[in-house]
Amino acid sequence: MELPDLAPLWLTLRLAAVTTGVLLLIGTPLAWWLAQSRGRMKPIIEAITALPLVLPPTVLGFYLLIFLSPSAPLGAAWRDVTGDTLTFSFTGLVVASCLYSLPFMVQPLQSAFEALGRAPLEAAASLRAGPWDAFFSVVLPMSARGYLTATVLSFAHTIGEFGVVLMVGGNIPGKTKVISIAIYEHVETINYSEAHVLSAGLLVFSFLILLFVYSMNRRFPVHVG
């Protein structure tokens, strides 16, 4: 039996790694604001953040396809600056993946930040630690469990994407053809042997990811302020 084409696998891993890195940068301040805020805008922002959990991926992908297209302001500006389009490109996949996996990053971090309470920050302030110093020296170490869960789930969720990436990126080998689309293509062409190999690999990977998260969470203490 011939070995399956591994190009979609490497592209998927690259997409998941880049998406997770971007989400860490975006999700940390957003989750911190949600954990600290008591304003009227908080429920609205929480609802927008969690929308990908209930919205069909094809709906999100359809509107992203329109929003990122060269005829839209953002897509046109990107094309003018880079000479490339956001749709049917790796960059477009990153944008779509960040939006689609956003709640998997924000919600665990928000829960971890909320569990800290005010006591650790007040103790740091009493020692004359500034806001940034308190966050990096107190909040981040005490939120390790939340960061572990958020990072692993965001990475794994990006790997399993299908509808959003298909709508925004299509099926371009070496550019937008990720592993979920490769499986769909094999099934369409009745190439069940390769579809089985890729599907079984994702099944085992998903199980190991969840096993890792649950096992590691037992080793990290929960800090409650």
C-alpha atoms as a PDB file:
ATOM      1  CA  MET A   1       0.000   0.000   0.000  1.00  0.00           C
ATOM      2  CA  GLU A   2       1.317   3.417  -0.945  1.00  0.00           C
ATOM      3  CA  LEU A   3       1.988   5.886   1.810  1.00  0.00           C
ATOM      4  CA  PRO A   4      -0.519   8.765   1.919  1.00  0.00           C
ATOM      5  CA  ASP A   5       0.498  12.230   0.778  1.00  0.00           C
ATOM      6  CA  LEU A   6       1.868  13.967   3.868  1.00  0.00           C
ATOM      7  CA  ALA A   7       1.746  17.505   2.448  1.00  0.00           C
ATOM      8  CA  PRO A   8      -1.762  18.155   3.900  1.00  0.00           C
ATOM      9  CA  LEU A   9      -0.526  16.947   7.299  1.00  0.00           C
ATOM     10  CA  TRP A  10       2.429  19.349   7.389  1.00  0.00           C
ATOM     11  CA  LEU A  11       0.232  22.202   6.173  1.00  0.00           C
ATOM     12  CA  THR A  12      -2.320  21.411   8.881  1.00  0.00           C
ATOM     13  CA  LEU A  13       0.332  21.337  11.614  1.00  0.00           C
ATOM     14  CA  ARG A  14       1.745  24.647  10.370  1.00  0.00           C
ATOM     15  CA  LEU A  15      -1.723  26.197  10.323  1.00  0.00           C
ATOM     16  CA  ALA A  16      -2.482  24.937  13.844  1.00  0.00           C
ATOM     17  CA  ALA A  17       0.829  26.222  15.210  1.00  0.00           C
ATOM     18  CA  VAL A  18       0.488  29.695  13.673  1.00  0.00           C
ATOM     19  CA  THR A  19      -3.170  29.961  14.705  1.00  0.00           C
ATOM     20  CA  THR A  20      -2.419  28.935  18.284  1.00  0.00           C
ATOM     21  CA  GLY A  21       0.399  31.481  18.525  1.00  0.00           C
ATOM     22  CA  VAL A  22      -1.802  34.292  17.229  1.00  0.00           C
ATOM     23  CA  LEU A  23      -4.642  33.271  19.538  1.00  0.00           C
ATOM     24  CA  LEU A  24      -2.333  33.376  22.556  1.00  0.00           C
ATOM     25  CA  LEU A  25      -1.502  36.992  21.726  1.00  0.00           C
ATOM     26  CA  ILE A  26      -5.128  37.935  21.071  1.00  0.00           C
ATOM     27  CA  GLY A  27      -6.841  35.720  23.617  1.00  0.00           C
ATOM     28  CA  THR A  28      -4.781  36.676  26.660  1.00  0.00           C
ATOM     29  CA  PRO A  29      -5.770  40.386  26.848  1.00  0.00           C
ATOM     30  CA  LEU A  30      -9.346  39.587  25.757  1.00  0.00           C
ATOM     31  CA  ALA A  31      -9.756  36.880  28.412  1.00  0.00           C
ATOM     32  CA  TRP A  32      -8.177  39.136  31.046  1.00  0.00           C
ATOM     33  CA  TRP A  33     -10.573  41.961  30.192  1.00  0.00           C
ATOM     34  CA  LEU A  34     -13.565  39.611  30.342  1.00  0.00           C
ATOM     35  CA  ALA A  35     -12.399  38.236  33.694  1.00  0.00           C
ATOM     36  CA  GLN A  36     -11.954  41.718  35.188  1.00  0.00           C
ATOM     37  CA  SER A  37     -14.806  43.597  33.547  1.00  0.00           C
ATOM     38  CA  ARG A  38     -18.188  44.183  35.135  1.00  0.00           C
ATOM     39  CA  GLY A  39     -19.484  46.526  32.444  1.00  0.00           C
ATOM     40  CA  ARG A  40     -22.557  46.231  30.264  1.00  0.00           C
ATOM     41  CA  MET A  41     -20.495  45.295  27.233  1.00  0.00           C
ATOM     42  CA  LYS A  42     -19.156  42.116  28.836  1.00  0.00           C
ATOM     43  CA  PRO A  43     -22.120  39.825  27.945  1.00  0.00           C
ATOM     44  CA  ILE A  44     -22.095  41.126  24.370  1.00  0.00           C
ATOM     45  CA  ILE A  45     -18.358  40.475  23.942  1.00  0.00           C
ATOM     46  CA  GLU A  46     -18.723  37.049  25.574  1.00  0.00           C
ATOM     47  CA  ALA A  47     -21.547  36.169  23.179  1.00  0.00           C
ATOM     48  CA  ILE A  48     -19.543  37.306  20.145  1.00  0.00           C
ATOM     49  CA  THR A  49     -16.506  35.345  21.328  1.00  0.00           C
ATOM     50  CA  ALA A  50     -18.555  32.175  21.860  1.00  0.00           C
ATOM     51  CA  LEU A  51     -20.506  32.506  18.592  1.00  0.00           C
ATOM     52  CA  PRO A  52     -18.322  30.010  16.660  1.00  0.00           C
ATOM     53  CA  LEU A  53     -19.367  27.316  19.144  1.00  0.00           C
ATOM     54  CA  VAL A  54     -22.985  27.403  17.940  1.00  0.00           C
ATOM     55  CA  LEU A  55     -22.685  28.878  14.458  1.00  0.00           C
ATOM     56  CA  PRO A  56     -22.445  26.337  11.603  1.00  0.00           C
ATOM     57  CA  PRO A  57     -18.896  26.442  10.181  1.00  0.00           C
ATOM     58  CA  THR A  58     -20.236  26.939   6.649  1.00  0.00           C
ATOM     59  CA  VAL A  59     -22.098  30.071   7.754  1.00  0.00           C
ATOM     60  CA  LEU A  60     -18.984  31.527   9.337  1.00  0.00           C
ATOM     61  CA  GLY A  61     -16.947  30.484   6.308  1.00  0.00           C
ATOM     62  CA  PHE A  62     -19.427  32.044   3.899  1.00  0.00           C
ATOM     63  CA  TYR A  63     -19.339  35.454   5.554  1.00  0.00           C
ATOM     64  CA  LEU A  64     -15.559  35.307   5.901  1.00  0.00           C
ATOM     65  CA  LEU A  65     -15.332  34.485   2.203  1.00  0.00           C
ATOM     66  CA  ILE A  66     -17.270  37.666   1.455  1.00  0.00           C
ATOM     67  CA  PHE A  67     -15.458  39.794   4.039  1.00  0.00           C
ATOM     68  CA  LEU A  68     -11.982  38.674   2.931  1.00  0.00           C
ATOM     69  CA  SER A  69     -12.645  38.726  -0.820  1.00  0.00           C
ATOM     70  CA  PRO A  70     -10.766  41.242  -3.016  1.00  0.00           C
ATOM     71  CA  SER A  71     -14.039  43.119  -3.569  1.00  0.00           C
ATOM     72  CA  ALA A  72     -14.341  43.855   0.167  1.00  0.00           C
ATOM     73  CA  PRO A  73     -12.384  46.715   1.801  1.00  0.00           C
ATOM     74  CA  LEU A  74     -10.118  44.487   3.911  1.00  0.00           C
ATOM     75  CA  GLY A  75      -9.442  42.030   1.093  1.00  0.00           C
ATOM     76  CA  ALA A  76      -8.782  44.859  -1.378  1.00  0.00           C
ATOM     77  CA  ALA A  77      -6.388  46.600   1.026  1.00  0.00           C
ATOM     78  CA  TRP A  78      -4.516  43.357   1.635  1.00  0.00           C
ATOM     79  CA  ARG A  79      -4.204  42.704  -2.103  1.00  0.00           C
ATOM     80  CA  ASP A  80      -2.930  46.248  -2.723  1.00  0.00           C
ATOM     81  CA  VAL A  81      -0.262  45.913  -0.030  1.00  0.00           C
ATOM     82  CA  THR A  82       0.872  42.314  -0.565  1.00  0.00           C
ATOM     83  CA  GLY A  83      -0.201  41.573  -4.129  1.00  0.00           C
ATOM     84  CA  ASP A  84      -1.967  38.432  -2.893  1.00  0.00           C
ATOM     85  CA  THR A  85      -5.535  37.681  -1.848  1.00  0.00           C
ATOM     86  CA  LEU A  86      -6.754  36.678   1.592  1.00  0.00           C
ATOM     87  CA  THR A  87      -9.183  34.182   0.128  1.00  0.00           C
ATOM     88  CA  PHE A  88      -7.748  30.899  -1.130  1.00  0.00           C
ATOM     89  CA  SER A  89      -4.455  31.564   0.654  1.00  0.00           C
ATOM     90  CA  PHE A  90      -2.692  30.352   3.785  1.00  0.00           C
ATOM     91  CA  THR A  91      -3.053  33.777   5.401  1.00  0.00           C
ATOM     92  CA  GLY A  92      -6.804  33.618   4.864  1.00  0.00           C
ATOM     93  CA  LEU A  93      -6.854  30.205   6.529  1.00  0.00           C
ATOM     94  CA  VAL A  94      -5.064  31.682   9.543  1.00  0.00           C
ATOM     95  CA  VAL A  95      -7.615  34.499   9.828  1.00  0.00           C
ATOM     96  CA  ALA A  96     -10.529  32.066   9.530  1.00  0.00           C
ATOM     97  CA  SER A  97      -8.967  29.601  11.979  1.00  0.00           C
ATOM     98  CA  CYS A  98      -8.329  32.308  14.575  1.00  0.00           C
ATOM     99  CA  LEU A  99     -11.968  33.359  14.523  1.00  0.00           C
ATOM    100  CA  TYR A 100     -13.234  29.784  14.513  1.00  0.00           C
ATOM    101  CA  SER A 101     -10.991  28.623  17.396  1.00  0.00           C
ATOM    102  CA  LEU A 102     -11.195  31.851  19.428  1.00  0.00           C
ATOM    103  CA  PRO A 103     -13.557  30.506  22.137  1.00  0.00           C
ATOM    104  CA  PHE A 104     -11.283  27.508  22.723  1.00  0.00           C
ATOM    105  CA  MET A 105      -8.537  29.929  23.705  1.00  0.00           C
ATOM    106  CA  VAL A 106     -10.524  32.625  25.499  1.00  0.00           C
ATOM    107  CA  GLN A 107     -12.895  30.582  27.654  1.00  0.00           C
ATOM    108  CA  PRO A 108     -10.263  28.450  29.470  1.00  0.00           C
ATOM    109  CA  LEU A 109      -8.121  31.536  30.058  1.00  0.00           C
ATOM    110  CA  GLN A 110     -11.075  33.561  31.316  1.00  0.00           C
ATOM    111  CA  SER A 111     -11.995  30.781  33.756  1.00  0.00           C
ATOM    112  CA  ALA A 112      -8.396  30.574  34.974  1.00  0.00           C
ATOM    113  CA  PHE A 113      -8.164  34.340  35.479  1.00  0.00           C
ATOM    114  CA  GLU A 114     -11.510  34.481  37.284  1.00  0.00           C
ATOM    115  CA  ALA A 115     -10.443  31.654  39.604  1.00  0.00           C
ATOM    116  CA  LEU A 116      -7.465  33.700  40.788  1.00  0.00           C
ATOM    117  CA  GLY A 117      -9.586  36.330  42.486  1.00  0.00           C
ATOM    118  CA  ARG A 118      -8.235  39.654  43.687  1.00  0.00           C
ATOM    119  CA  ALA A 119      -6.011  38.450  46.548  1.00  0.00           C
ATOM    120  CA  PRO A 120      -2.868  37.586  44.519  1.00  0.00           C
ATOM    121  CA  LEU A 121      -2.959  40.922  42.687  1.00  0.00           C
ATOM    122  CA  GLU A 122      -3.519  42.840  45.912  1.00  0.00           C
ATOM    123  CA  ALA A 123      -0.590  41.013  47.510  1.00  0.00           C
ATOM    124  CA  ALA A 124       1.609  41.879  44.522  1.00  0.00           C
ATOM    125  CA  ALA A 125       0.493  45.510  44.690  1.00  0.00           C
ATOM    126  CA  SER A 126       1.363  45.637  48.393  1.00  0.00           C
ATOM    127  CA  LEU A 127       4.886  44.639  47.399  1.00  0.00           C
ATOM    128  CA  ARG A 128       4.969  47.562  44.953  1.00  0.00           C
ATOM    129  CA  ALA A 129       4.667  45.417  41.840  1.00  0.00           C
ATOM    130  CA  GLY A 130       3.327  47.273  38.820  1.00  0.00           C
ATOM    131  CA  PRO A 131       0.433  45.929  36.737  1.00  0.00           C
ATOM    132  CA  TRP A 132       2.695  44.365  34.118  1.00  0.00           C
ATOM    133  CA  ASP A 133       5.069  42.902  36.693  1.00  0.00           C
ATOM    134  CA  ALA A 134       2.133  41.468  38.661  1.00  0.00           C
ATOM    135  CA  PHE A 135       0.631  39.923  35.558  1.00  0.00           C
ATOM    136  CA  PHE A 136       3.827  38.226  34.357  1.00  0.00           C
ATOM    137  CA  SER A 137       5.159  37.196  37.768  1.00  0.00           C
ATOM    138  CA  VAL A 138       1.888  36.258  39.481  1.00  0.00           C
ATOM    139  CA  VAL A 139      -1.013  35.810  37.071  1.00  0.00           C
ATOM    140  CA  LEU A 140       0.741  33.825  34.343  1.00  0.00           C
ATOM    141  CA  PRO A 141       2.368  31.206  36.633  1.00  0.00           C
ATOM    142  CA  MET A 142      -0.860  30.743  38.581  1.00  0.00           C
ATOM    143  CA  SER A 143      -2.842  30.360  35.348  1.00  0.00           C
ATOM    144  CA  ALA A 144      -0.638  27.617  33.910  1.00  0.00           C
ATOM    145  CA  ARG A 145      -3.477  25.109  33.957  1.00  0.00           C
ATOM    146  CA  GLY A 146      -5.716  27.405  31.935  1.00  0.00           C
ATOM    147  CA  TYR A 147      -2.946  28.146  29.437  1.00  0.00           C
ATOM    148  CA  LEU A 148      -2.234  24.457  28.973  1.00  0.00           C
ATOM    149  CA  THR A 149      -5.888  23.668  28.298  1.00  0.00           C
ATOM    150  CA  ALA A 150      -6.402  26.679  26.028  1.00  0.00           C
ATOM    151  CA  THR A 151      -3.258  26.037  23.974  1.00  0.00           C
ATOM    152  CA  VAL A 152      -3.831  22.329  23.453  1.00  0.00           C
ATOM    153  CA  LEU A 153      -7.542  22.651  22.664  1.00  0.00           C
ATOM    154  CA  SER A 154      -6.969  25.536  20.233  1.00  0.00           C
ATOM    155  CA  PHE A 155      -4.261  23.561  18.452  1.00  0.00           C
ATOM    156  CA  ALA A 156      -6.366  20.407  18.253  1.00  0.00           C
ATOM    157  CA  HIS A 157      -9.524  22.249  17.200  1.00  0.00           C
ATOM    158  CA  THR A 158      -7.667  23.949  14.348  1.00  0.00           C
ATOM    159  CA  ILE A 159      -6.418  20.589  13.104  1.00  0.00           C
ATOM    160  CA  GLY A 160      -9.992  19.289  12.920  1.00  0.00           C
ATOM    161  CA  GLU A 161     -11.425  22.237  10.983  1.00  0.00           C
ATOM    162  CA  PHE A 162     -13.283  21.512   7.758  1.00  0.00           C
ATOM    163  CA  GLY A 163     -16.186  23.758   6.767  1.00  0.00           C
ATOM    164  CA  VAL A 164     -14.526  27.093   7.486  1.00  0.00           C
ATOM    165  CA  VAL A 165     -11.233  26.291   5.778  1.00  0.00           C
ATOM    166  CA  LEU A 166     -12.993  24.757   2.789  1.00  0.00           C
ATOM    167  CA  MET A 167     -15.126  27.876   2.262  1.00  0.00           C
ATOM    168  CA  VAL A 168     -12.257  30.353   2.704  1.00  0.00           C
ATOM    169  CA  GLY A 169      -9.324  28.392   1.286  1.00  0.00           C
ATOM    170  CA  GLY A 170     -10.789  25.865  -1.081  1.00  0.00           C
ATOM    171  CA  ASN A 171      -8.738  22.798  -1.993  1.00  0.00           C
ATOM    172  CA  ILE A 172      -5.387  23.972  -3.375  1.00  0.00           C
ATOM    173  CA  PRO A 173      -2.628  21.344  -2.933  1.00  0.00           C
ATOM    174  CA  GLY A 174       0.340  22.653  -0.962  1.00  0.00           C
ATOM    175  CA  LYS A 175      -1.439  25.924  -0.192  1.00  0.00           C
ATOM    176  CA  THR A 176      -4.852  25.373   1.420  1.00  0.00           C
ATOM    177  CA  LYS A 177      -5.444  21.619   1.267  1.00  0.00           C
ATOM    178  CA  VAL A 178      -5.401  20.622   4.934  1.00  0.00           C
ATOM    179  CA  ILE A 179      -5.834  17.104   6.255  1.00  0.00           C
ATOM    180  CA  SER A 180      -9.609  17.285   6.811  1.00  0.00           C
ATOM    181  CA  ILE A 181     -10.119  18.358   3.200  1.00  0.00           C
ATOM    182  CA  ALA A 182      -7.769  15.597   2.036  1.00  0.00           C
ATOM    183  CA  ILE A 183      -9.968  13.052   3.852  1.00  0.00           C
ATOM    184  CA  TYR A 184     -13.083  14.479   2.218  1.00  0.00           C
ATOM    185  CA  GLU A 185     -11.419  14.307  -1.184  1.00  0.00           C
ATOM    186  CA  HIS A 186     -10.415  10.666  -0.665  1.00  0.00           C
ATOM    187  CA  VAL A 187     -13.974   9.769   0.330  1.00  0.00           C
ATOM    188  CA  GLU A 188     -15.359  11.564  -2.717  1.00  0.00           C
ATOM    189  CA  THR A 189     -13.069   9.574  -5.002  1.00  0.00           C
ATOM    190  CA  ILE A 190     -13.908   6.358  -3.108  1.00  0.00           C
ATOM    191  CA  ASN A 191     -10.295   6.029  -1.995  1.00  0.00           C
ATOM    192  CA  TYR A 192     -11.302   4.621   1.367  1.00  0.00           C
ATOM    193  CA  SER A 193      -7.894   3.154   2.224  1.00  0.00           C
ATOM    194  CA  GLU A 194      -6.152   6.549   2.380  1.00  0.00           C
ATOM    195  CA  ALA A 195      -9.212   8.142   3.964  1.00  0.00           C
ATOM    196  CA  HIS A 196      -9.082   5.464   6.650  1.00  0.00           C
ATOM    197  CA  VAL A 197      -5.376   6.047   7.340  1.00  0.00           C
ATOM    198  CA  LEU A 198      -5.821   9.808   7.729  1.00  0.00           C
ATOM    199  CA  SER A 199      -9.070   9.496   9.697  1.00  0.00           C
ATOM    200  CA  ALA A 200      -7.626   6.909  12.070  1.00  0.00           C
ATOM    201  CA  GLY A 201      -4.615   9.136  12.602  1.00  0.00           C
ATOM    202  CA  LEU A 202      -6.836  12.080  13.535  1.00  0.00           C
ATOM    203  CA  LEU A 203      -8.922   9.865  15.815  1.00  0.00           C
ATOM    204  CA  VAL A 204      -5.872   8.671  17.719  1.00  0.00           C
ATOM    205  CA  PHE A 205      -4.445  12.193  17.828  1.00  0.00           C
ATOM    206  CA  SER A 206      -7.682  13.626  19.239  1.00  0.00           C
ATOM    207  CA  PHE A 207      -7.849  10.958  21.932  1.00  0.00           C
ATOM    208  CA  LEU A 208      -4.219  11.506  22.940  1.00  0.00           C
ATOM    209  CA  ILE A 209      -4.744  15.276  23.071  1.00  0.00           C
ATOM    210  CA  LEU A 210      -7.712  14.915  25.426  1.00  0.00           C
ATOM    211  CA  LEU A 211      -5.891  12.319  27.517  1.00  0.00           C
ATOM    212  CA  PHE A 212      -2.920  14.673  27.807  1.00  0.00           C
ATOM    213  CA  VAL A 213      -5.097  17.621  28.866  1.00  0.00           C
ATOM    214  CA  TYR A 214      -6.998  15.661  31.521  1.00  0.00           C
ATOM    215  CA  SER A 215      -3.818  14.045  32.838  1.00  0.00           C
ATOM    216  CA  MET A 216      -1.877  17.294  33.049  1.00  0.00           C
ATOM    217  CA  ASN A 217      -4.780  19.177  34.625  1.00  0.00           C
ATOM    218  CA  ARG A 218      -4.623  16.796  37.564  1.00  0.00           C
ATOM    219  CA  ARG A 219      -1.002  17.813  38.158  1.00  0.00           C
ATOM    220  CA  PHE A 220      -1.671  21.559  38.193  1.00  0.00           C
ATOM    221  CA  PRO A 221      -3.292  22.887  41.360  1.00  0.00           C
ATOM    222  CA  VAL A 222      -6.298  25.156  41.019  1.00  0.00           C
ATOM    223  CA  HIS A 223      -5.587  28.585  42.532  1.00  0.00           C
ATOM    224  CA  VAL A 224      -8.560  30.312  44.025  1.00  0.00           C
ATOM    225  CA  GLY A 225      -8.227  33.834  45.372  1.00  0.00           C
END
